[in-house]
């Protein structure tokens, strides 16, 4: 019994308190952040928009979201492009940390052109709007905590040209 009480006090002392804006990672309480995480493309900017093209933040994972990127591709992304999305949530009883959300492969090897990528994407520097729509993945989204920071890694791979892209982003997201 004493051990259980000690463990409870210990874990509560290290729980992630997201009621304070300063505890949100990288300022995600009030701003979208992104990084390039590999690939043959180069990103210059990224922002989140709603379906009307207006700035959207925080994001809502229950509604379609547009990520507008300025980037440069070396080769075309054709109709055979594959998308893989990896998702992490922030928080936890052992302190503030990122933990991968298990999606059991639901967000892996998606036909990118059927999931929001305007294919084909020609080579060169350009602005592209990619629509992220998780409505077909409600079984995953319903399990996520509301009003929390999430990290999303979005990878594109055109297996015919070898062109690849990887963007890692962090945002405050609503799931209800």
N, C-alpha and C. Protein backbone atom coordinates (compact mmCIF):
# COMPACT_ATOMS: atom_id res chain seq x y z
N UNK A 1 0.83 -1.20 0.00
CA UNK A 1 0.00 0.00 0.00
C UNK A 1 0.87 1.26 0.00
N UNK A 2 1.90 1.30 0.83
CA UNK A 2 2.77 2.47 0.88
C UNK A 2 3.46 2.69 -0.46
N UNK A 3 3.83 1.57 -1.11
CA UNK A 3 4.48 1.67 -2.40
C UNK A 3 3.54 2.27 -3.45
N UNK A 4 2.25 1.90 -3.40
CA UNK A 4 1.28 2.46 -4.34
C UNK A 4 1.11 3.96 -4.12
N UNK A 5 1.05 4.38 -2.88
CA UNK A 5 0.91 5.81 -2.57
C UNK A 5 2.14 6.57 -3.04
N UNK A 6 3.33 6.02 -2.80
CA UNK A 6 4.56 6.66 -3.23
C UNK A 6 4.60 6.78 -4.75
N UNK A 7 4.22 5.70 -5.45
CA UNK A 7 4.19 5.73 -6.92
C UNK A 7 3.20 6.77 -7.42
N UNK A 8 2.01 6.87 -6.79
CA UNK A 8 1.00 7.85 -7.20
C UNK A 8 1.50 9.27 -7.02
N UNK A 9 2.14 9.56 -5.92
CA UNK A 9 2.68 10.90 -5.66
C UNK A 9 3.79 11.20 -6.68
N UNK A 10 4.65 10.22 -6.95
CA UNK A 10 5.75 10.39 -7.90
C UNK A 10 5.22 10.71 -9.29
N UNK A 11 4.26 9.95 -9.78
CA UNK A 11 3.76 10.16 -11.14
C UNK A 11 2.98 11.47 -11.25
N UNK A 12 2.24 11.84 -10.22
CA UNK A 12 1.53 13.12 -10.27
C UNK A 12 2.50 14.29 -10.31
N UNK A 13 3.61 14.16 -9.63
CA UNK A 13 4.61 15.21 -9.61
C UNK A 13 5.25 15.42 -10.98
N UNK A 14 5.25 14.41 -11.82
CA UNK A 14 5.87 14.52 -13.13
C UNK A 14 4.87 14.55 -14.28
N UNK A 15 3.60 14.62 -13.98
CA UNK A 15 2.59 14.66 -15.04
C UNK A 15 2.75 15.93 -15.86
N UNK A 16 2.33 15.87 -17.08
CA UNK A 16 2.45 17.00 -17.99
C UNK A 16 1.24 17.91 -17.82
N UNK A 17 1.47 19.12 -17.35
CA UNK A 17 0.40 20.08 -17.09
C UNK A 17 0.25 21.02 -18.28
N UNK A 18 -0.69 20.72 -19.17
CA UNK A 18 -0.89 21.54 -20.35
C UNK A 18 -1.90 22.67 -20.11
N UNK A 19 -2.27 22.90 -18.85
CA UNK A 19 -3.14 24.04 -18.55
C UNK A 19 -2.35 25.34 -18.59
N UNK A 20 -1.02 25.23 -18.59
CA UNK A 20 -0.16 26.41 -18.67
C UNK A 20 0.45 26.48 -20.06
N UNK A 21 0.28 27.61 -20.72
CA UNK A 21 0.76 27.79 -22.09
C UNK A 21 2.25 27.50 -22.21
N UNK A 22 3.03 27.84 -21.18
CA UNK A 22 4.49 27.65 -21.24
C UNK A 22 4.89 26.17 -21.32
N UNK A 23 4.00 25.25 -20.99
CA UNK A 23 4.32 23.82 -21.03
C UNK A 23 4.09 23.18 -22.40
N UNK A 24 3.52 23.93 -23.33
CA UNK A 24 3.28 23.40 -24.67
C UNK A 24 4.59 23.43 -25.45
N UNK A 25 4.91 22.39 -26.21
CA UNK A 25 6.20 22.34 -26.90
C UNK A 25 6.28 23.34 -28.06
N UNK A 26 7.42 24.00 -28.17
CA UNK A 26 7.73 24.89 -29.30
C UNK A 26 6.66 25.94 -29.58
N UNK A 27 5.96 26.39 -28.56
CA UNK A 27 4.96 27.43 -28.74
C UNK A 27 3.71 26.98 -29.47
N UNK A 28 3.45 25.66 -29.52
CA UNK A 28 2.30 25.13 -30.26
C UNK A 28 0.96 25.57 -29.69
N UNK A 29 0.95 26.13 -28.51
CA UNK A 29 -0.30 26.64 -27.96
C UNK A 29 -0.90 27.68 -28.91
N UNK A 30 -0.02 28.46 -29.55
CA UNK A 30 -0.52 29.56 -30.38
C UNK A 30 0.01 29.58 -31.82
N UNK A 31 0.87 28.63 -32.19
CA UNK A 31 1.43 28.68 -33.55
C UNK A 31 1.78 27.30 -34.09
N UNK A 32 1.64 27.15 -35.40
CA UNK A 32 2.00 25.95 -36.14
C UNK A 32 3.51 25.98 -36.40
N UNK A 33 4.17 24.84 -36.21
CA UNK A 33 5.61 24.75 -36.46
C UNK A 33 5.89 23.56 -37.36
N UNK A 34 6.90 23.68 -38.20
CA UNK A 34 7.24 22.60 -39.13
C UNK A 34 8.75 22.55 -39.34
N UNK A 35 9.22 21.36 -39.75
CA UNK A 35 10.62 21.14 -40.08
C UNK A 35 10.68 20.16 -41.24
N UNK A 36 11.70 20.30 -42.04
CA UNK A 36 11.95 19.29 -43.07
C UNK A 36 12.64 18.13 -42.37
N UNK A 37 12.25 16.90 -42.70
CA UNK A 37 12.83 15.73 -42.03
C UNK A 37 13.44 14.74 -43.02
N UNK A 38 13.87 15.24 -44.14
CA UNK A 38 14.50 14.38 -45.13
C UNK A 38 13.82 14.49 -46.48
N UNK A 39 14.23 13.61 -47.37
CA UNK A 39 13.66 13.60 -48.71
C UNK A 39 14.52 14.36 -49.69
N UNK A 40 14.11 14.34 -50.94
CA UNK A 40 14.85 15.01 -52.01
C UNK A 40 14.29 16.39 -52.31
N UNK A 41 13.22 16.79 -51.66
CA UNK A 41 12.62 18.11 -51.85
C UNK A 41 13.19 19.09 -50.83
N UNK A 42 12.96 20.37 -51.08
CA UNK A 42 13.35 21.42 -50.13
C UNK A 42 12.13 22.25 -49.82
N UNK A 43 11.83 22.41 -48.52
CA UNK A 43 10.69 23.24 -48.08
C UNK A 43 11.18 24.63 -47.70
N UNK A 44 10.37 25.64 -48.05
CA UNK A 44 10.68 27.02 -47.70
C UNK A 44 9.68 27.58 -46.70
N UNK A 45 8.42 27.13 -46.78
CA UNK A 45 7.39 27.61 -45.85
C UNK A 45 6.24 26.61 -45.81
N UNK A 46 5.45 26.71 -44.75
CA UNK A 46 4.24 25.88 -44.62
C UNK A 46 3.28 26.60 -43.69
N UNK A 47 2.01 26.52 -44.03
CA UNK A 47 0.98 27.10 -43.16
C UNK A 47 -0.30 26.28 -43.29
N UNK A 48 -1.15 26.39 -42.28
CA UNK A 48 -2.41 25.63 -42.26
C UNK A 48 -3.56 26.55 -42.63
N UNK A 49 -4.46 26.01 -43.47
CA UNK A 49 -5.61 26.76 -43.96
C UNK A 49 -6.88 25.91 -43.81
N UNK A 50 -8.02 26.58 -43.75
CA UNK A 50 -9.29 25.85 -43.80
C UNK A 50 -9.68 25.67 -45.27
N UNK A 51 -10.81 25.03 -45.52
CA UNK A 51 -11.22 24.76 -46.90
C UNK A 51 -11.55 26.02 -47.70
N UNK A 52 -11.76 27.14 -47.00
CA UNK A 52 -12.02 28.42 -47.69
C UNK A 52 -10.72 29.15 -48.01
N UNK A 53 -9.57 28.57 -47.61
CA UNK A 53 -8.28 29.19 -47.87
C UNK A 53 -7.86 30.21 -46.82
N UNK A 54 -8.61 30.26 -45.71
CA UNK A 54 -8.28 31.18 -44.62
C UNK A 54 -7.34 30.51 -43.64
N UNK A 55 -6.48 31.29 -43.02
CA UNK A 55 -5.56 30.76 -42.01
C UNK A 55 -6.36 30.01 -40.94
N UNK A 56 -5.86 28.84 -40.55
CA UNK A 56 -6.58 28.00 -39.58
C UNK A 56 -5.61 27.53 -38.49
N UNK A 57 -5.82 28.04 -37.29
CA UNK A 57 -5.05 27.58 -36.14
C UNK A 57 -5.79 27.97 -34.89
N UNK A 58 -5.91 27.07 -33.92
CA UNK A 58 -5.49 25.67 -33.90
C UNK A 58 -6.20 24.87 -34.99
N UNK A 59 -5.68 23.68 -35.25
CA UNK A 59 -6.28 22.85 -36.29
C UNK A 59 -7.35 21.94 -35.69
N UNK A 60 -8.24 21.46 -36.54
CA UNK A 60 -9.31 20.54 -36.14
C UNK A 60 -9.13 19.26 -36.95
N UNK A 61 -8.77 18.17 -36.28
CA UNK A 61 -8.54 16.90 -36.98
C UNK A 61 -9.84 16.23 -37.42
N UNK A 62 -10.97 16.78 -37.02
CA UNK A 62 -12.26 16.24 -37.43
C UNK A 62 -12.77 16.89 -38.71
N UNK A 63 -12.03 17.86 -39.24
CA UNK A 63 -12.40 18.57 -40.46
C UNK A 63 -11.23 18.52 -41.44
N UNK A 64 -11.50 18.58 -42.74
CA UNK A 64 -10.39 18.65 -43.70
C UNK A 64 -9.54 19.89 -43.44
N UNK A 65 -8.25 19.74 -43.62
CA UNK A 65 -7.29 20.79 -43.36
C UNK A 65 -6.36 20.89 -44.57
N UNK A 66 -6.02 22.09 -44.95
CA UNK A 66 -5.08 22.28 -46.05
C UNK A 66 -3.74 22.72 -45.47
N UNK A 67 -2.69 22.08 -45.92
CA UNK A 67 -1.33 22.53 -45.60
C UNK A 67 -0.76 23.09 -46.90
N UNK A 68 -0.54 24.40 -46.89
CA UNK A 68 0.02 25.06 -48.06
C UNK A 68 1.53 25.17 -47.88
N UNK A 69 2.26 24.59 -48.81
CA UNK A 69 3.71 24.59 -48.72
C UNK A 69 4.33 25.28 -49.92
N UNK A 70 5.39 26.00 -49.65
CA UNK A 70 6.25 26.47 -50.73
C UNK A 70 7.46 25.54 -50.67
N UNK A 71 7.71 24.87 -51.79
CA UNK A 71 8.77 23.87 -51.81
C UNK A 71 9.34 23.73 -53.20
N UNK A 72 10.44 23.01 -53.29
CA UNK A 72 11.07 22.76 -54.58
C UNK A 72 11.28 21.26 -54.72
N UNK A 73 10.78 20.72 -55.83
CA UNK A 73 10.96 19.30 -56.11
C UNK A 73 11.95 19.14 -57.26
N UNK A 74 12.75 18.12 -57.20
CA UNK A 74 13.75 17.88 -58.24
C UNK A 74 13.14 17.08 -59.41
N UNK A 75 12.16 16.26 -59.09
CA UNK A 75 11.48 15.44 -60.11
C UNK A 75 9.98 15.48 -59.84
N UNK A 76 9.21 15.06 -60.79
CA UNK A 76 7.75 15.05 -60.67
C UNK A 76 7.27 14.02 -59.64
N UNK A 77 6.21 14.38 -58.93
CA UNK A 77 5.45 13.40 -58.14
C UNK A 77 4.30 12.96 -59.04
N UNK A 78 4.29 11.71 -59.46
CA UNK A 78 3.31 11.22 -60.41
C UNK A 78 2.12 10.58 -59.69
N UNK A 79 1.25 9.98 -60.49
CA UNK A 79 0.05 9.33 -59.93
C UNK A 79 0.37 8.10 -59.09
N UNK A 80 1.61 7.64 -59.06
CA UNK A 80 1.98 6.49 -58.24
C UNK A 80 2.60 6.86 -56.91
N UNK A 81 2.32 8.06 -56.42
CA UNK A 81 2.93 8.55 -55.18
C UNK A 81 2.24 7.95 -53.95
N UNK A 82 3.06 7.55 -52.99
CA UNK A 82 2.59 6.93 -51.74
C UNK A 82 2.78 7.92 -50.59
N UNK A 83 1.80 8.03 -49.70
CA UNK A 83 1.90 8.87 -48.51
C UNK A 83 1.89 8.00 -47.26
N UNK A 84 2.74 8.35 -46.31
CA UNK A 84 2.76 7.69 -45.00
C UNK A 84 2.72 8.78 -43.94
N UNK A 85 1.79 8.64 -43.01
CA UNK A 85 1.62 9.63 -41.94
C UNK A 85 1.89 8.94 -40.61
N UNK A 86 2.76 9.56 -39.81
CA UNK A 86 3.04 9.09 -38.46
C UNK A 86 2.60 10.18 -37.49
N UNK A 87 1.94 9.79 -36.42
CA UNK A 87 1.34 10.74 -35.48
C UNK A 87 1.87 10.51 -34.08
N UNK A 88 2.18 11.60 -33.37
CA UNK A 88 2.60 11.54 -31.97
C UNK A 88 1.72 12.47 -31.15
N UNK A 89 1.45 12.09 -29.91
CA UNK A 89 0.74 12.98 -28.98
C UNK A 89 1.74 13.44 -27.92
N UNK A 90 1.42 14.54 -27.26
CA UNK A 90 2.32 15.12 -26.27
C UNK A 90 1.68 15.08 -24.91
N UNK A 91 2.44 14.71 -23.93
CA UNK A 91 1.95 14.65 -22.56
C UNK A 91 2.40 13.38 -21.88
N UNK A 92 1.64 12.94 -20.92
CA UNK A 92 1.96 11.69 -20.25
C UNK A 92 2.13 11.85 -18.76
N UNK A 93 2.00 10.73 -18.06
CA UNK A 93 2.12 10.75 -16.61
C UNK A 93 3.58 10.82 -16.16
N UNK A 94 4.51 10.55 -17.03
CA UNK A 94 5.93 10.60 -16.67
C UNK A 94 6.58 11.91 -17.12
N UNK A 95 5.79 12.89 -17.39
CA UNK A 95 6.32 14.19 -17.81
C UNK A 95 5.93 14.48 -19.24
N UNK A 96 6.29 15.67 -19.69
CA UNK A 96 5.93 16.10 -21.03
C UNK A 96 6.89 15.47 -22.05
N UNK A 97 6.33 14.61 -22.90
CA UNK A 97 7.14 13.94 -23.92
C UNK A 97 6.24 13.52 -25.08
N UNK A 98 6.87 13.28 -26.23
CA UNK A 98 6.14 12.81 -27.41
C UNK A 98 6.03 11.29 -27.35
N UNK A 99 4.84 10.78 -27.65
CA UNK A 99 4.60 9.34 -27.72
C UNK A 99 3.88 9.03 -29.02
N UNK A 100 4.40 8.06 -29.77
CA UNK A 100 3.78 7.71 -31.05
C UNK A 100 2.39 7.12 -30.81
N UNK A 101 1.45 7.55 -31.62
CA UNK A 101 0.08 7.03 -31.57
C UNK A 101 0.03 5.81 -32.49
N UNK A 102 -0.29 4.64 -31.94
CA UNK A 102 -0.37 3.46 -32.80
C UNK A 102 -1.58 3.54 -33.73
N UNK A 103 -1.35 3.46 -35.03
CA UNK A 103 -2.44 3.54 -36.01
C UNK A 103 -2.63 2.22 -36.74
N UNK A 104 -1.87 1.20 -36.35
CA UNK A 104 -2.00 -0.15 -36.90
C UNK A 104 -1.94 -0.17 -38.42
N UNK A 105 -1.13 0.72 -38.99
CA UNK A 105 -0.94 0.75 -40.44
C UNK A 105 -2.02 1.48 -41.22
N UNK A 106 -3.03 2.03 -40.55
CA UNK A 106 -4.11 2.72 -41.26
C UNK A 106 -3.63 3.95 -42.04
N UNK A 107 -2.53 4.56 -41.58
CA UNK A 107 -2.03 5.77 -42.22
C UNK A 107 -0.74 5.52 -43.00
N UNK A 108 -0.47 4.27 -43.31
CA UNK A 108 0.75 3.90 -44.04
C UNK A 108 0.44 3.52 -45.48
N UNK A 109 1.34 3.89 -46.37
CA UNK A 109 1.27 3.51 -47.78
C UNK A 109 -0.08 3.83 -48.41
N UNK A 110 -0.54 5.06 -48.16
CA UNK A 110 -1.79 5.53 -48.76
C UNK A 110 -1.52 6.01 -50.18
N UNK A 111 -2.49 5.84 -51.06
CA UNK A 111 -2.40 6.43 -52.40
C UNK A 111 -2.53 7.94 -52.22
N UNK A 112 -1.40 8.64 -52.32
CA UNK A 112 -1.37 10.07 -52.02
C UNK A 112 -2.32 10.86 -52.91
N UNK A 113 -2.43 10.47 -54.17
CA UNK A 113 -3.26 11.21 -55.12
C UNK A 113 -4.75 11.07 -54.80
N UNK A 114 -5.13 10.04 -54.05
CA UNK A 114 -6.51 9.87 -53.61
C UNK A 114 -6.74 10.43 -52.22
N UNK A 115 -5.65 10.89 -51.58
CA UNK A 115 -5.73 11.40 -50.21
C UNK A 115 -5.15 12.81 -50.12
N UNK A 116 -5.58 13.70 -51.02
CA UNK A 116 -5.31 15.11 -50.86
C UNK A 116 -4.12 15.71 -51.59
N UNK A 117 -3.31 14.90 -52.27
CA UNK A 117 -2.18 15.44 -53.02
C UNK A 117 -2.62 15.70 -54.46
N UNK A 118 -2.43 16.93 -54.96
CA UNK A 118 -2.86 17.25 -56.33
C UNK A 118 -1.88 16.70 -57.37
N UNK A 119 -2.03 15.44 -57.73
CA UNK A 119 -1.12 14.77 -58.66
C UNK A 119 -1.51 15.05 -60.11
N UNK A 120 -0.56 15.11 -61.00
CA UNK A 120 0.88 15.07 -60.73
C UNK A 120 1.36 16.43 -60.25
N UNK A 121 2.48 16.43 -59.49
CA UNK A 121 3.13 17.67 -59.07
C UNK A 121 4.40 17.79 -59.90
N UNK A 122 4.51 18.84 -60.72
CA UNK A 122 5.69 18.96 -61.58
C UNK A 122 6.94 19.30 -60.77
N UNK A 123 8.08 19.13 -61.38
CA UNK A 123 9.33 19.50 -60.72
C UNK A 123 9.45 21.01 -60.68
N UNK A 124 10.29 21.51 -59.79
CA UNK A 124 10.53 22.95 -59.70
C UNK A 124 10.00 23.55 -58.41
N UNK A 125 10.27 24.85 -58.24
CA UNK A 125 9.81 25.58 -57.06
C UNK A 125 8.36 26.00 -57.26
N UNK A 126 7.53 25.78 -56.23
CA UNK A 126 6.10 26.04 -56.37
C UNK A 126 5.41 26.09 -55.02
N UNK A 127 4.16 26.54 -55.05
CA UNK A 127 3.29 26.50 -53.88
C UNK A 127 2.25 25.42 -54.14
N UNK A 128 2.14 24.48 -53.21
CA UNK A 128 1.21 23.36 -53.35
C UNK A 128 0.32 23.28 -52.13
N UNK A 129 -0.95 23.02 -52.36
CA UNK A 129 -1.90 22.82 -51.26
C UNK A 129 -2.24 21.33 -51.17
N UNK A 130 -1.90 20.74 -50.03
CA UNK A 130 -2.20 19.33 -49.77
C UNK A 130 -3.31 19.28 -48.74
N UNK A 131 -4.36 18.55 -49.03
CA UNK A 131 -5.49 18.43 -48.11
C UNK A 131 -5.32 17.20 -47.24
N UNK A 132 -5.38 17.43 -45.94
CA UNK A 132 -5.36 16.32 -44.98
C UNK A 132 -6.79 16.15 -44.47
N UNK A 133 -7.33 14.99 -44.69
CA UNK A 133 -8.71 14.71 -44.29
C UNK A 133 -8.71 13.38 -43.55
N UNK A 134 -8.86 13.47 -42.24
CA UNK A 134 -8.84 12.27 -41.40
C UNK A 134 -10.24 11.69 -41.17
N UNK A 135 -11.25 12.17 -41.91
CA UNK A 135 -12.62 11.70 -41.67
C UNK A 135 -12.76 10.19 -41.91
N UNK A 136 -11.96 9.62 -42.80
CA UNK A 136 -12.01 8.17 -43.01
C UNK A 136 -11.27 7.39 -41.92
N UNK A 137 -10.62 8.12 -41.02
CA UNK A 137 -9.84 7.48 -39.96
C UNK A 137 -10.38 7.86 -38.59
N UNK A 138 -11.70 7.97 -38.50
CA UNK A 138 -12.37 8.33 -37.25
C UNK A 138 -12.04 7.39 -36.12
N UNK A 139 -11.77 6.12 -36.43
CA UNK A 139 -11.43 5.16 -35.37
C UNK A 139 -10.14 5.56 -34.66
N UNK A 140 -9.23 6.25 -35.35
CA UNK A 140 -8.00 6.74 -34.73
C UNK A 140 -8.26 8.08 -34.05
N UNK A 141 -8.90 9.01 -34.75
CA UNK A 141 -9.10 10.37 -34.25
C UNK A 141 -9.94 10.38 -32.97
N UNK A 142 -10.97 9.54 -32.91
CA UNK A 142 -11.83 9.51 -31.72
C UNK A 142 -11.07 9.11 -30.46
N UNK A 143 -9.96 8.43 -30.60
CA UNK A 143 -9.18 8.00 -29.45
C UNK A 143 -8.22 9.07 -28.95
N UNK A 144 -8.04 10.14 -29.72
CA UNK A 144 -7.08 11.17 -29.36
C UNK A 144 -7.67 12.18 -28.38
N UNK A 145 -6.82 12.66 -27.50
CA UNK A 145 -7.22 13.67 -26.53
C UNK A 145 -7.47 15.00 -27.24
N UNK A 146 -8.49 15.72 -26.82
CA UNK A 146 -8.85 17.00 -27.41
C UNK A 146 -7.97 18.13 -26.88
N UNK A 147 -7.74 19.16 -27.71
CA UNK A 147 -7.01 20.37 -27.32
C UNK A 147 -5.64 20.04 -26.75
N UNK A 148 -4.86 19.35 -27.55
CA UNK A 148 -3.54 18.85 -27.15
C UNK A 148 -2.55 19.07 -28.29
N UNK A 149 -1.27 19.16 -27.97
CA UNK A 149 -0.28 19.24 -29.05
C UNK A 149 -0.09 17.88 -29.72
N UNK A 150 -0.04 17.89 -31.04
CA UNK A 150 0.24 16.68 -31.81
C UNK A 150 1.37 16.97 -32.79
N UNK A 151 2.11 15.94 -33.06
CA UNK A 151 3.19 16.01 -34.04
C UNK A 151 2.84 15.05 -35.17
N UNK A 152 2.99 15.52 -36.39
CA UNK A 152 2.63 14.72 -37.56
C UNK A 152 3.80 14.71 -38.53
N UNK A 153 4.21 13.52 -38.91
CA UNK A 153 5.24 13.38 -39.94
C UNK A 153 4.54 12.93 -41.21
N UNK A 154 4.71 13.70 -42.28
CA UNK A 154 4.04 13.43 -43.56
C UNK A 154 5.11 13.14 -44.60
N UNK A 155 5.13 11.92 -45.10
CA UNK A 155 6.13 11.51 -46.07
C UNK A 155 5.46 11.17 -47.40
N UNK A 156 6.05 11.65 -48.47
CA UNK A 156 5.62 11.30 -49.82
C UNK A 156 6.77 10.58 -50.51
N UNK A 157 6.43 9.57 -51.30
CA UNK A 157 7.45 8.83 -52.05
C UNK A 157 6.86 8.45 -53.39
N UNK A 158 7.49 8.95 -54.46
CA UNK A 158 7.12 8.53 -55.80
C UNK A 158 8.07 7.41 -56.18
N UNK A 159 7.54 6.22 -56.22
CA UNK A 159 8.40 5.06 -56.45
C UNK A 159 8.90 4.98 -57.89
N UNK A 160 8.25 5.69 -58.84
CA UNK A 160 8.73 5.64 -60.22
C UNK A 160 9.87 6.64 -60.47
N UNK A 161 9.83 7.82 -59.82
CA UNK A 161 10.89 8.81 -60.04
C UNK A 161 11.93 8.84 -58.92
N UNK A 162 11.60 8.27 -57.76
CA UNK A 162 12.50 8.32 -56.62
C UNK A 162 12.38 9.60 -55.82
N UNK A 163 11.54 10.53 -56.25
CA UNK A 163 11.35 11.79 -55.52
C UNK A 163 10.69 11.47 -54.18
N UNK A 164 11.17 12.14 -53.12
CA UNK A 164 10.60 11.91 -51.79
C UNK A 164 10.56 13.21 -51.02
N UNK A 165 9.69 13.25 -50.05
CA UNK A 165 9.47 14.44 -49.26
C UNK A 165 9.13 14.02 -47.84
N UNK A 166 9.61 14.79 -46.87
CA UNK A 166 9.25 14.52 -45.48
C UNK A 166 9.14 15.85 -44.74
N UNK A 167 7.98 16.07 -44.13
CA UNK A 167 7.77 17.25 -43.30
C UNK A 167 7.27 16.80 -41.95
N UNK A 168 7.86 17.34 -40.92
CA UNK A 168 7.44 17.09 -39.54
C UNK A 168 6.81 18.38 -39.05
N UNK A 169 5.61 18.29 -38.49
CA UNK A 169 4.93 19.49 -38.01
C UNK A 169 4.38 19.25 -36.62
N UNK A 170 4.23 20.34 -35.88
CA UNK A 170 3.64 20.29 -34.54
C UNK A 170 2.56 21.35 -34.47
N UNK A 171 1.42 20.95 -33.89
CA UNK A 171 0.29 21.89 -33.81
C UNK A 171 -0.61 21.55 -32.65
N UNK A 172 -1.31 22.55 -32.19
CA UNK A 172 -2.39 22.36 -31.23
C UNK A 172 -3.59 21.87 -32.04
N UNK A 173 -4.22 20.78 -31.58
CA UNK A 173 -5.31 20.21 -32.36
C UNK A 173 -6.51 19.89 -31.49
N UNK A 174 -7.67 20.12 -32.10
CA UNK A 174 -8.93 19.72 -31.49
C UNK A 174 -9.39 18.43 -32.17
N UNK A 175 -9.91 17.52 -31.40
CA UNK A 175 -10.35 16.22 -31.92
C UNK A 175 -11.82 15.95 -31.65
N UNK A 176 -12.52 16.88 -31.07
CA UNK A 176 -13.94 16.72 -30.76
C UNK A 176 -14.76 17.75 -31.49
